Protein backbone atom coordinates (compact mmCIF):
# COMPACT_ATOMS: atom_id res chain seq x y z
CA MET A 1 -63.19 -65.15 8.01
CA PRO A 2 -66.25 -63.43 9.58
CA GLU A 3 -65.33 -59.97 8.29
CA VAL A 4 -65.14 -61.33 4.75
CA ALA A 5 -68.54 -62.96 5.17
CA ASN A 6 -69.95 -59.62 6.28
CA ALA A 7 -68.39 -57.91 3.29
CA ALA A 8 -69.96 -60.45 0.98
CA ASN A 9 -73.37 -59.17 2.07
CA ALA A 10 -72.44 -55.53 1.55
CA SER A 11 -75.15 -53.33 0.11
CA ASP A 12 -74.73 -50.36 -2.20
CA ALA A 13 -74.84 -48.11 0.87
CA ASP A 14 -71.97 -50.08 2.42
CA LEU A 15 -69.87 -49.53 -0.70
CA VAL A 16 -70.59 -45.82 -0.59
CA SER A 17 -69.63 -45.73 3.09
CA ARG A 18 -66.37 -47.50 2.33
CA LEU A 19 -65.61 -45.07 -0.45
CA LEU A 20 -66.13 -42.10 1.85
CA LEU A 21 -64.03 -43.67 4.60
CA ASP A 22 -61.18 -44.14 2.12
CA MET A 23 -61.54 -40.63 0.72
CA ARG A 24 -58.77 -38.23 1.65
CA LEU A 25 -58.54 -34.65 0.47
CA SER A 26 -54.86 -34.22 1.17
CA GLY A 27 -52.55 -31.24 0.93
CA VAL A 28 -55.34 -28.65 0.73
CA LEU A 29 -53.89 -25.31 -0.41
CA TYR A 30 -56.19 -22.31 -0.51
CA ARG A 31 -56.20 -18.94 -2.22
CA ARG A 32 -58.50 -15.94 -1.80
CA SER A 33 -58.73 -13.62 -4.78
CA LEU A 34 -60.50 -10.31 -5.29
CA LEU A 35 -61.42 -9.68 -8.92
CA ALA A 36 -62.62 -6.34 -10.28
CA PRO A 37 -64.91 -6.26 -13.35
CA GLY A 38 -63.08 -7.25 -16.53
CA GLN A 39 -60.54 -9.46 -14.77
CA GLY A 40 -59.89 -13.19 -14.52
CA LEU A 41 -57.53 -15.86 -13.21
CA ARG A 42 -56.09 -18.97 -14.79
CA PHE A 43 -55.47 -22.03 -12.60
CA ASP A 44 -52.88 -24.55 -13.77
CA ASN A 45 -53.36 -27.59 -11.56
CA ALA A 46 -50.78 -30.26 -10.98
CA GLN A 47 -51.73 -33.63 -12.45
CA GLY A 48 -54.12 -35.60 -10.26
CA ARG A 49 -55.15 -32.72 -7.99
CA GLY A 50 -58.72 -31.50 -7.65
CA GLN A 51 -59.81 -27.87 -7.52
CA PHE A 52 -62.61 -26.36 -5.45
CA HIS A 53 -64.00 -22.84 -6.04
CA PHE A 54 -66.46 -20.85 -3.95
CA ALA A 55 -67.91 -17.53 -5.11
CA GLY A 56 -68.06 -15.38 -1.98
CA GLN A 57 -69.23 -12.42 -4.06
CA GLY A 58 -70.30 -12.62 -7.67
CA PRO A 59 -71.41 -13.33 -10.19
CA LEU A 60 -68.39 -15.14 -11.63
CA TRP A 61 -67.80 -17.46 -14.59
CA LEU A 62 -65.71 -20.62 -14.78
CA CYS A 63 -64.29 -21.87 -18.09
CA SER A 64 -63.59 -25.60 -17.74
CA PRO A 65 -60.54 -27.39 -19.17
CA GLU A 66 -62.71 -28.39 -22.13
CA GLY A 67 -63.77 -24.79 -22.74
CA GLN A 68 -67.31 -24.94 -21.31
CA TRP A 69 -68.53 -21.87 -19.37
CA HIS A 70 -70.34 -22.31 -16.04
CA GLY A 71 -72.01 -19.45 -14.15
CA LEU A 72 -71.34 -18.98 -10.42
CA ARG A 73 -73.72 -16.94 -8.33
CA PRO A 74 -72.77 -15.61 -4.88
CA GLY A 75 -72.64 -18.61 -2.55
CA ASP A 76 -72.11 -21.11 -5.39
CA ALA A 77 -69.41 -23.79 -5.30
CA VAL A 78 -67.90 -26.12 -7.88
CA LEU A 79 -65.49 -29.05 -7.69
CA LEU A 80 -63.20 -30.07 -10.53
CA PRO A 81 -62.16 -33.53 -9.30
CA ARG A 82 -59.37 -33.90 -11.86
CA GLY A 83 -58.31 -30.26 -11.87
CA GLY A 84 -56.74 -29.20 -15.16
CA THR A 85 -56.13 -25.74 -16.61
CA HIS A 86 -59.21 -23.56 -16.24
CA VAL A 87 -60.18 -19.90 -15.90
CA VAL A 88 -62.37 -18.03 -13.42
CA ALA A 89 -63.41 -14.60 -14.68
CA THR A 90 -65.89 -11.84 -13.98
CA ALA A 91 -67.51 -12.19 -17.40
CA LYS A 92 -68.22 -15.04 -19.80
CA GLY A 93 -65.86 -15.10 -22.75
CA LEU A 94 -63.60 -12.42 -21.33
CA PRO A 95 -61.13 -11.36 -24.07
CA ASN A 96 -57.56 -12.50 -23.59
CA ALA A 97 -56.31 -8.92 -23.69
CA GLN A 98 -58.36 -7.98 -20.63
CA ILE A 99 -57.11 -10.97 -18.68
CA GLN A 100 -53.51 -10.36 -19.72
CA ALA A 101 -53.78 -6.86 -18.26
CA PHE A 102 -54.82 -8.23 -14.88
CA SER A 103 -52.14 -7.64 -12.23
CA LEU A 104 -52.18 -8.97 -8.66
CA TRP A 105 -50.36 -7.67 -5.62
CA ARG A 106 -50.22 -8.30 -1.89
CA PRO A 107 -51.10 -5.23 0.15
CA PRO A 108 -48.18 -4.04 2.34
CA GLY A 109 -48.44 -5.61 5.79
CA ALA A 110 -51.26 -7.95 4.72
CA SER A 111 -51.90 -10.52 7.45
CA ASP A 112 -53.11 -13.13 4.96
CA PRO A 113 -50.28 -14.18 2.60
CA ASN A 114 -52.74 -16.12 0.46
CA LEU A 115 -54.90 -13.07 -0.32
CA LEU A 116 -54.60 -11.72 -3.86
CA VAL A 117 -56.28 -8.46 -4.80
CA PRO A 118 -56.54 -6.50 -8.05
CA GLN A 119 -54.18 -3.60 -8.60
CA HIS A 120 -57.11 -1.19 -8.76
CA PRO A 121 -59.87 -2.61 -6.56
CA SER A 122 -63.34 -1.14 -6.88
CA ASP A 123 -66.53 -1.27 -4.88
CA ARG A 124 -67.76 -3.90 -7.33
CA THR A 125 -64.93 -6.32 -6.52
CA ARG A 126 -65.87 -10.01 -6.51
CA LEU A 127 -64.42 -12.51 -4.05
CA LEU A 128 -63.27 -16.00 -5.01
CA PHE A 129 -62.11 -18.65 -2.53
CA SER A 130 -60.20 -21.54 -4.11
CA ALA A 131 -58.71 -24.73 -2.70
CA CYS A 132 -56.43 -27.18 -4.50
CA MET A 133 -56.41 -30.69 -3.05
CA GLY A 134 -55.28 -34.23 -3.67
CA MET A 135 -58.33 -36.39 -4.41
CA ASP A 136 -57.30 -39.73 -2.90
CA LEU A 137 -59.97 -42.44 -2.78
CA GLY A 138 -57.56 -45.24 -1.94
CA GLY A 139 -58.69 -48.50 -3.53
CA LEU A 140 -61.58 -46.78 -5.28
CA GLN A 141 -59.36 -44.24 -7.03
CA PRO A 142 -60.75 -45.17 -10.52
CA LEU A 143 -63.95 -43.43 -9.45
CA VAL A 144 -62.23 -40.04 -9.84
CA GLN A 145 -61.80 -40.67 -13.57
CA SER A 146 -65.52 -41.45 -13.83
CA MET A 147 -66.61 -38.17 -12.26
CA PRO A 148 -67.84 -35.23 -14.36
CA GLU A 149 -65.26 -32.62 -15.33
CA VAL A 150 -67.13 -30.00 -13.27
CA MET A 151 -69.40 -30.90 -10.35
CA HIS A 152 -71.69 -27.96 -9.53
CA VAL A 153 -73.12 -27.82 -6.03
CA GLY A 154 -76.37 -26.34 -7.31
CA THR A 155 -77.31 -29.57 -9.09
CA LEU A 156 -76.86 -31.56 -5.87
CA MET A 157 -78.81 -29.34 -3.46
CA GLU A 158 -82.04 -31.33 -3.65
CA CYS A 159 -80.47 -34.65 -2.63
CA SER A 160 -77.97 -33.07 -0.21
CA PRO A 161 -79.71 -30.13 1.50
CA GLU A 162 -77.08 -30.21 4.27
CA ILE A 163 -74.68 -28.48 1.87
CA GLN A 164 -76.66 -25.21 2.00
CA PRO A 165 -75.85 -24.20 5.62
CA LEU A 166 -72.18 -24.99 4.99
CA LEU A 167 -72.14 -22.72 1.95
CA ALA A 168 -73.89 -20.04 4.00
CA ALA A 169 -71.17 -20.39 6.65
CA MET A 170 -68.48 -20.03 3.96
CA GLU A 171 -70.19 -16.89 2.67
CA ARG A 172 -70.26 -15.38 6.18
CA GLU A 173 -66.62 -16.25 6.87
CA SER A 174 -65.58 -14.72 3.53
CA ALA A 175 -67.45 -11.50 4.21
CA ILE A 176 -66.70 -10.89 7.90
CA GLU A 177 -63.08 -12.13 8.01
CA ARG A 178 -63.05 -12.89 11.72
CA PRO A 179 -59.84 -14.20 13.32
CA GLY A 180 -59.04 -17.68 12.01
CA PHE A 181 -61.46 -17.35 9.08
CA ALA A 182 -58.90 -18.71 6.57
CA GLY A 183 -58.54 -22.01 8.44
CA VAL A 184 -62.30 -22.30 8.85
CA LEU A 185 -62.82 -21.73 5.12
CA ALA A 186 -60.25 -24.40 4.24
CA ARG A 187 -61.96 -26.96 6.47
CA LEU A 188 -65.42 -26.09 5.19
CA ALA A 189 -64.14 -26.51 1.62
CA ASP A 190 -62.87 -29.97 2.58
CA VAL A 191 -66.30 -30.99 3.92
CA VAL A 192 -68.28 -29.49 1.01
CA ALA A 193 -66.04 -31.25 -1.53
CA ALA A 194 -66.65 -34.58 0.24
CA LEU A 195 -70.42 -33.94 0.24
CA ILE A 196 -70.36 -33.15 -3.48
CA VAL A 197 -68.68 -36.49 -4.16
CA ARG A 198 -71.11 -38.35 -1.88
CA ALA A 199 -74.16 -36.77 -3.51
CA TRP A 200 -72.91 -37.83 -6.93
CA VAL A 201 -72.39 -41.41 -5.76
CA LEU A 202 -75.80 -41.59 -4.07
CA ASP A 203 -77.36 -40.24 -7.27
CA GLY A 204 -76.07 -43.33 -9.05
CA CYS A 205 -72.83 -41.90 -10.46
CA PRO A 206 -74.49 -40.50 -13.63
CA GLY A 207 -72.24 -40.68 -16.67
CA ALA A 208 -69.87 -43.17 -15.04
CA ASP A 209 -68.20 -46.00 -16.93
CA GLY A 210 -68.49 -49.78 -16.68
CA TRP A 211 -66.33 -50.02 -13.57
CA VAL A 212 -68.92 -48.09 -11.57
CA GLN A 213 -71.73 -50.08 -13.14
CA ALA A 214 -70.05 -53.22 -11.80
CA LEU A 215 -70.46 -51.84 -8.27
CA ARG A 216 -74.21 -51.82 -8.82
CA ASP A 217 -74.40 -55.37 -10.12
CA PRO A 218 -75.43 -57.42 -7.03
CA ARG A 219 -73.07 -60.31 -7.86
CA LEU A 220 -70.09 -58.37 -9.13
CA GLY A 221 -70.61 -55.85 -6.34
CA ARG A 222 -70.23 -58.59 -3.74
CA ALA A 223 -66.93 -59.71 -5.28
CA LEU A 224 -65.66 -56.14 -5.46
CA ALA A 225 -66.73 -55.58 -1.85
CA VAL A 226 -64.72 -58.49 -0.45
CA MET A 227 -61.63 -57.47 -2.44
CA HIS A 228 -61.82 -53.97 -1.00
CA GLU A 229 -62.68 -55.24 2.48
CA ALA A 230 -59.86 -57.77 2.62
CA PRO A 231 -57.32 -57.04 -0.15
CA GLY A 232 -54.67 -59.12 1.61
CA GLN A 233 -56.64 -62.36 1.41
CA PRO A 234 -55.39 -64.98 -1.09
CA TRP A 235 -58.29 -64.49 -3.49
CA THR A 236 -58.58 -66.64 -6.59
CA VAL A 237 -61.02 -66.42 -9.49
CA ALA A 238 -62.77 -69.48 -8.07
CA SER A 239 -63.15 -68.04 -4.56
CA LEU A 240 -64.38 -64.70 -5.90
CA ALA A 241 -66.86 -66.49 -8.17
CA GLU A 242 -68.16 -68.35 -5.11
CA VAL A 243 -68.73 -65.03 -3.31
CA ALA A 244 -70.56 -63.73 -6.38
CA GLY A 245 -72.70 -66.87 -6.58
CA GLN A 246 -71.63 -67.66 -10.14
CA SER A 247 -69.63 -70.27 -11.93
CA ARG A 248 -65.93 -69.49 -12.41
CA SER A 249 -66.24 -68.95 -16.17
CA VAL A 250 -69.43 -66.86 -16.01
CA PHE A 251 -67.99 -64.67 -13.25
CA ALA A 252 -64.67 -64.14 -15.02
CA GLN A 253 -66.38 -63.15 -18.28
CA ALA A 254 -68.89 -60.81 -16.59
CA PHE A 255 -66.18 -59.14 -14.49
CA GLN A 256 -63.89 -58.50 -17.44
CA SER A 257 -66.78 -57.25 -19.56
CA ALA A 258 -67.73 -54.70 -16.88
CA THR A 259 -64.27 -53.55 -15.80
CA CYS A 260 -62.12 -54.32 -18.88
CA VAL A 261 -59.65 -56.25 -16.68
CA THR A 262 -59.55 -59.74 -15.23
CA PRO A 263 -60.46 -60.19 -11.54
CA LEU A 264 -56.86 -60.90 -10.51
CA ARG A 265 -55.47 -57.94 -12.45
CA TYR A 266 -58.06 -55.76 -10.72
CA LEU A 267 -56.98 -57.18 -7.36
CA THR A 268 -53.32 -56.46 -8.10
CA ALA A 269 -54.10 -52.89 -9.20
CA LEU A 270 -56.18 -52.40 -6.04
CA ARG A 271 -53.33 -53.62 -3.86
CA MET A 272 -50.85 -51.31 -5.56
CA ARG A 273 -53.12 -48.26 -5.15
CA LEU A 274 -53.43 -49.06 -1.47
CA ALA A 275 -49.68 -49.62 -1.26
CA LEU A 276 -49.02 -46.19 -2.77
CA GLN A 277 -51.31 -44.62 -0.19
CA ARG A 278 -49.79 -46.47 2.75
CA LEU A 279 -46.19 -45.91 1.68
CA GLY A 280 -46.64 -42.31 0.58
CA GLN A 281 -49.20 -40.77 2.92
CA ASN A 282 -49.03 -43.10 5.92
CA ARG A 283 -45.30 -43.73 5.55
CA GLN A 284 -45.63 -47.35 6.61
CA SER A 285 -42.65 -49.61 6.23
CA VAL A 286 -42.36 -51.58 2.98
CA GLU A 287 -42.35 -54.82 4.97
CA SER A 288 -45.63 -54.07 6.79
CA VAL A 289 -47.39 -53.01 3.58
CA ALA A 290 -46.26 -56.18 1.80
CA THR A 291 -47.60 -58.32 4.64
CA GLU A 292 -50.93 -56.47 4.92
CA LEU A 293 -51.56 -56.84 1.18
CA GLY A 294 -50.98 -60.57 1.12
CA TYR A 295 -47.47 -60.93 -0.27
CA GLY A 296 -45.48 -63.78 1.19
CA SER A 297 -42.14 -62.16 0.50
CA LEU A 298 -40.78 -58.66 0.19
CA ALA A 299 -39.24 -59.55 -3.16
CA ALA A 300 -42.61 -60.62 -4.61
CA PHE A 301 -44.25 -57.41 -3.42
CA SER A 302 -41.43 -55.24 -4.78
CA ARG A 303 -41.62 -56.92 -8.19
CA ALA A 304 -45.39 -56.45 -8.41
CA PHE A 305 -45.18 -52.85 -7.19
CA LYS A 306 -42.51 -51.87 -9.70
CA ARG A 307 -44.30 -53.67 -12.55
CA VAL A 308 -47.53 -51.76 -11.89
CA THR A 309 -46.22 -48.34 -10.80
CA GLY A 310 -42.82 -48.20 -12.47
CA GLN A 311 -41.20 -47.30 -9.14
CA ALA A 312 -39.53 -49.14 -6.30
CA PRO A 313 -41.61 -49.12 -3.06
CA GLY A 314 -38.67 -47.85 -1.02
CA ALA A 315 -38.23 -44.88 -3.36
CA VAL A 316 -41.91 -43.91 -3.02
CA ARG A 317 -41.68 -43.96 0.75
CA ALA A 318 -38.44 -41.96 0.77
CA LEU A 319 -39.93 -39.25 -1.45
CA ALA A 320 -43.17 -38.95 0.50
CA TRP A 321 -41.96 -36.79 3.38
CA PRO A 322 -40.34 -33.92 1.43
CA LEU A 323 -43.31 -33.83 -0.97
CA GLN A 324 -45.75 -33.64 1.94
CA ARG A 325 -43.77 -30.79 3.46
CA GLU A 326 -43.49 -28.78 0.27
CA GLY A 327 -46.99 -29.51 -1.03
CA ALA A 328 -48.05 -29.41 -4.65
CA GLY A 329 -50.82 -27.03 -5.55
CA SER A 330 -52.31 -24.87 -8.20
CA THR A 331 -50.49 -21.87 -9.50
CA VAL A 332 -52.34 -18.70 -10.27
CA SER A 333 -51.25 -16.75 -13.30
CA HIS A 334 -52.45 -14.49 -16.07
CA LEU A 335 -54.21 -16.01 -19.04
CA GLU A 336 -51.66 -15.82 -21.82
């Protein structure tokens, strides 16, 4: 198995590359909002969906799901990888009464159905571009739970200077509104969000839990790498320990201490995350997914899938198409 041998020698950079290759920002839904002084918006994100905000004109303030306020200057961007209910307002600590009075309308004949403007716009109006997206990292999905609640682009500029020209392009597109600007903004948001995640990973995933620390351990990292590289192989604790260069007992204890699960439970969870992606987003057949992930029979795969996810694989695949068509995004409402 030459590809497995190559994976066994994977470096930290290889793991980062694999993470970014697996990363999909799916179902991106955008919203442009014009806020006059004394106004704000509440975003109620669907579970498991990230939220990106870009301040085209400012300053603006973001109140995180945990109630922390973050300042946004013109040209600033933030990513909330897990979404959650949060507020963007023109002033820190804006009273509820002022936000409740905020009313949005679509100008008659507006060409952009996703543009929201205040009822009484002023020359001091601030522009906010927002994008709600599914943060899908495939087999490395646990990384999303390890990310900070709010990832501010300003803190990543030194290690990722390539973000600056992209933000400048977003600022120009927001201000000039040339034909097709909405689509360009959505795609730029996609790229900037991916760069924010990459910068955090390359910075060592500060604040991350034991699962991420295991990626950095040279021996455990090799075992994790081969599982992600070839999840359909018939891995055993003994074969994984051999890849890690440890005895079976030492490897099993170290792996469980770092990840809080046994190696084989981790492998099963990895396979099921990949199965969800392939059935739901790629709409592969249940039979092909079962074969790719190393299950000798469809029945064995179906039992494992239902035990881990609580759903039948066929039902996940059947639901995928209508959900992809309808989309699931943030809703914008008044702060009650």
